[in-house]
Protein backbone atom coordinates (compact mmCIF):
# COMPACT_ATOMS: atom_id res chain seq x y z
CA MET A 1 21.05 1.48 -24.44
CA PHE A 2 19.46 4.25 -22.42
CA SER A 3 21.86 3.48 -19.58
CA LEU A 4 24.86 4.04 -21.86
CA TRP A 5 23.34 7.25 -23.22
CA ARG A 6 22.66 8.69 -19.76
CA LYS A 7 26.23 7.90 -18.61
CA ALA A 8 27.64 9.64 -21.70
CA ARG A 9 25.46 12.69 -21.06
CA ARG A 10 26.61 12.89 -17.46
CA GLU A 11 30.15 13.60 -18.66
CA ASN A 12 29.07 16.10 -21.31
CA SER A 13 28.09 19.27 -19.44
CA ALA A 14 26.80 21.00 -22.61
CA ALA A 15 24.34 18.14 -23.19
CA SER A 16 23.39 18.32 -19.54
CA ARG A 17 22.46 22.02 -19.88
CA LEU A 18 20.57 21.31 -23.10
CA LEU A 19 18.46 18.52 -21.60
CA GLY A 20 17.95 20.24 -18.30
CA THR A 21 19.76 19.15 -15.20
CA THR A 22 16.60 18.09 -13.36
CA SER A 23 15.48 15.52 -15.90
CA LEU A 24 18.99 14.10 -16.34
CA ARG A 25 19.48 13.92 -12.56
CA PHE A 26 16.14 12.09 -12.29
CA ALA A 27 17.24 9.58 -14.93
CA LEU A 28 20.60 9.07 -13.20
CA HIS A 29 19.29 8.64 -9.66
CA GLY A 30 16.06 6.84 -10.47
CA TRP A 31 17.63 4.19 -12.67
CA GLN A 32 17.09 1.27 -10.24
CA ARG A 33 13.42 2.15 -9.74
CA LEU A 34 12.96 2.47 -13.50
CA GLN A 35 14.55 -0.97 -13.96
CA VAL A 36 11.99 -2.50 -11.56
CA TYR A 37 9.16 -0.97 -13.59
CA LEU A 38 10.61 -2.13 -16.91
CA SER A 39 11.39 -5.67 -15.76
CA ASP A 40 8.01 -6.48 -14.16
CA PRO A 41 4.82 -5.83 -16.18
CA ASP A 42 2.71 -6.00 -13.00
CA VAL A 43 4.34 -2.89 -11.50
CA PRO A 44 2.16 0.13 -12.32
CA ILE A 45 3.82 3.23 -13.76
CA ASP A 46 2.23 5.44 -11.13
CA THR A 47 0.57 5.23 -7.73
CA ASN A 48 -2.66 7.00 -8.65
CA HIS A 49 -4.78 4.01 -7.62
CA LEU A 50 -3.22 4.11 -4.15
CA GLU A 51 -3.64 7.86 -3.83
CA ARG A 52 -7.34 7.58 -4.76
CA ALA A 53 -7.83 4.83 -2.18
CA LEU A 54 -6.19 6.92 0.52
CA ARG A 55 -8.23 10.03 -0.31
CA VAL A 56 -10.64 9.04 2.48
CA ILE A 57 -8.03 9.96 5.08
CA PRO A 58 -7.72 13.69 4.18
CA MET A 59 -11.51 13.86 3.86
CA GLY A 60 -11.82 13.01 7.56
CA ARG A 61 -9.00 15.31 8.65
CA LYS A 62 -11.16 17.28 11.09
CA ASN A 63 -12.30 14.04 12.69
CA TRP A 64 -8.70 12.97 13.22
CA LEU A 65 -8.20 15.99 15.48
CA PHE A 66 -10.04 14.02 18.15
CA CYS A 67 -7.52 11.17 18.38
CA TRP A 68 -6.32 12.97 21.54
CA THR A 69 -2.79 11.57 21.52
CA GLU A 70 -0.05 10.77 19.05
CA VAL A 71 -0.44 7.08 19.85
CA GLY A 72 -4.17 7.33 19.13
CA ALA A 73 -3.41 8.97 15.78
CA GLN A 74 -0.98 6.16 14.93
CA GLN A 75 -3.66 3.58 15.72
CA VAL A 76 -6.14 5.40 13.46
CA GLY A 77 -3.48 5.35 10.72
CA ILE A 78 -3.04 1.59 11.11
CA ILE A 79 -6.79 0.96 10.93
CA GLN A 80 -7.16 3.26 7.89
CA SER A 81 -4.30 1.43 6.17
CA LEU A 82 -5.90 -1.96 6.85
CA LEU A 83 -9.30 -0.78 5.58
CA THR A 84 -7.77 0.69 2.42
CA THR A 85 -5.76 -2.49 1.79
CA CYS A 86 -8.95 -4.54 2.16
CA ARG A 87 -10.72 -2.37 -0.41
CA LEU A 88 -7.78 -2.64 -2.82
CA GLN A 89 -7.86 -6.44 -2.46
CA GLY A 90 -11.65 -6.56 -3.02
CA ILE A 91 -12.34 -7.70 0.55
CA ASN A 92 -15.24 -6.55 2.70
CA PRO A 93 -13.41 -4.77 5.56
CA TYR A 94 -16.06 -5.77 8.13
CA THR A 95 -15.80 -9.47 7.22
CA TYR A 96 -12.01 -9.27 7.33
CA LEU A 97 -11.86 -7.53 10.71
CA VAL A 98 -14.40 -9.88 12.33
CA ASP A 99 -12.55 -12.93 11.06
CA VAL A 100 -9.08 -11.69 12.07
CA LEU A 101 -10.20 -10.54 15.53
CA MET A 102 -11.76 -13.93 16.18
CA ARG A 103 -8.88 -15.88 14.66
CA ILE A 104 -5.96 -13.96 16.18
CA ASP A 105 -6.21 -15.65 19.57
CA LEU A 106 -5.83 -19.12 18.06
CA HIS A 107 -3.44 -18.29 15.21
CA PRO A 108 0.29 -19.01 15.72
CA ALA A 109 2.38 -15.83 16.06
CA SER A 110 4.96 -17.25 13.66
CA GLU A 111 2.32 -17.18 10.89
CA VAL A 112 1.09 -13.62 11.46
CA LEU A 113 1.55 -12.80 7.75
CA ASP A 114 -1.44 -15.08 7.07
CA LEU A 115 -3.61 -12.40 8.66
CA THR A 116 -2.59 -9.60 6.30
CA PRO A 117 -5.41 -8.80 3.84
CA ARG A 118 -3.63 -10.09 0.73
CA VAL A 119 -2.73 -13.49 2.20
CA TRP A 120 -5.98 -13.73 4.21
CA LYS A 121 -7.93 -13.43 0.95
CA ASP A 122 -6.26 -16.57 -0.42
CA LYS A 123 -6.40 -18.63 2.78
CA PHE A 124 -9.52 -17.67 4.72
CA ALA A 125 -11.86 -15.50 2.60
CA ASP A 126 -13.84 -18.48 1.29
CA ASN A 127 -14.90 -19.51 4.79
CA PRO A 128 -14.47 -16.56 7.20
CA LEU A 129 -15.24 -16.84 10.89
CA LYS A 130 -18.43 -15.01 11.88
CA SER A 131 -19.37 -13.23 15.06
CA ASP A 132 -22.12 -14.42 17.36
CA LEU A 133 -24.19 -11.41 16.25
CA ALA A 134 -24.04 -12.54 12.62
CA MET A 135 -25.23 -16.02 13.62
CA VAL A 136 -28.18 -14.56 15.56
CA ARG A 137 -29.31 -12.58 12.51
CA GLN A 138 -29.53 -15.73 10.38
C-alpha cells in the first residue's frame, strides 16, 4: 500500500513539494532496506546498540595516534572490531582470543568461519582451550 502511494507521489510534483523532497526521496531510495526491516522482526530499527559498543574507539583516539603506520592502524581496527563483537555476543574477549590463537594452528582453513565470535560461541565456548598460564594458576 505504501509502495503504491509513494509511486503515485513521485509523479505528482505538487505532492512532492508538500511532503518535502528529502523525505519522499528517502522513502523512494530506501525502500529495499525498509522491506528488510519490515519482513524480519529480528532486524533492529536503528544501530544505536552498535554505536554504543563502538564508542570505545573514539575514546582512545589519542592512543591510536601511536599506531605508527596505516597498516598498524588497520590491525588495531580489526582487533577493536573483534573485541566489540565479542562483547555484543556476551563472550569474554580474553577467553575468545586465547582459544582462537591456540586453535588456529590446528583448525582447517576451509572452516575459518567457525572462529568468528558468533559461530565460536555456539561451537567452542562451552569448552574453550586455555593457555599454559591459566593452567598454572589453577
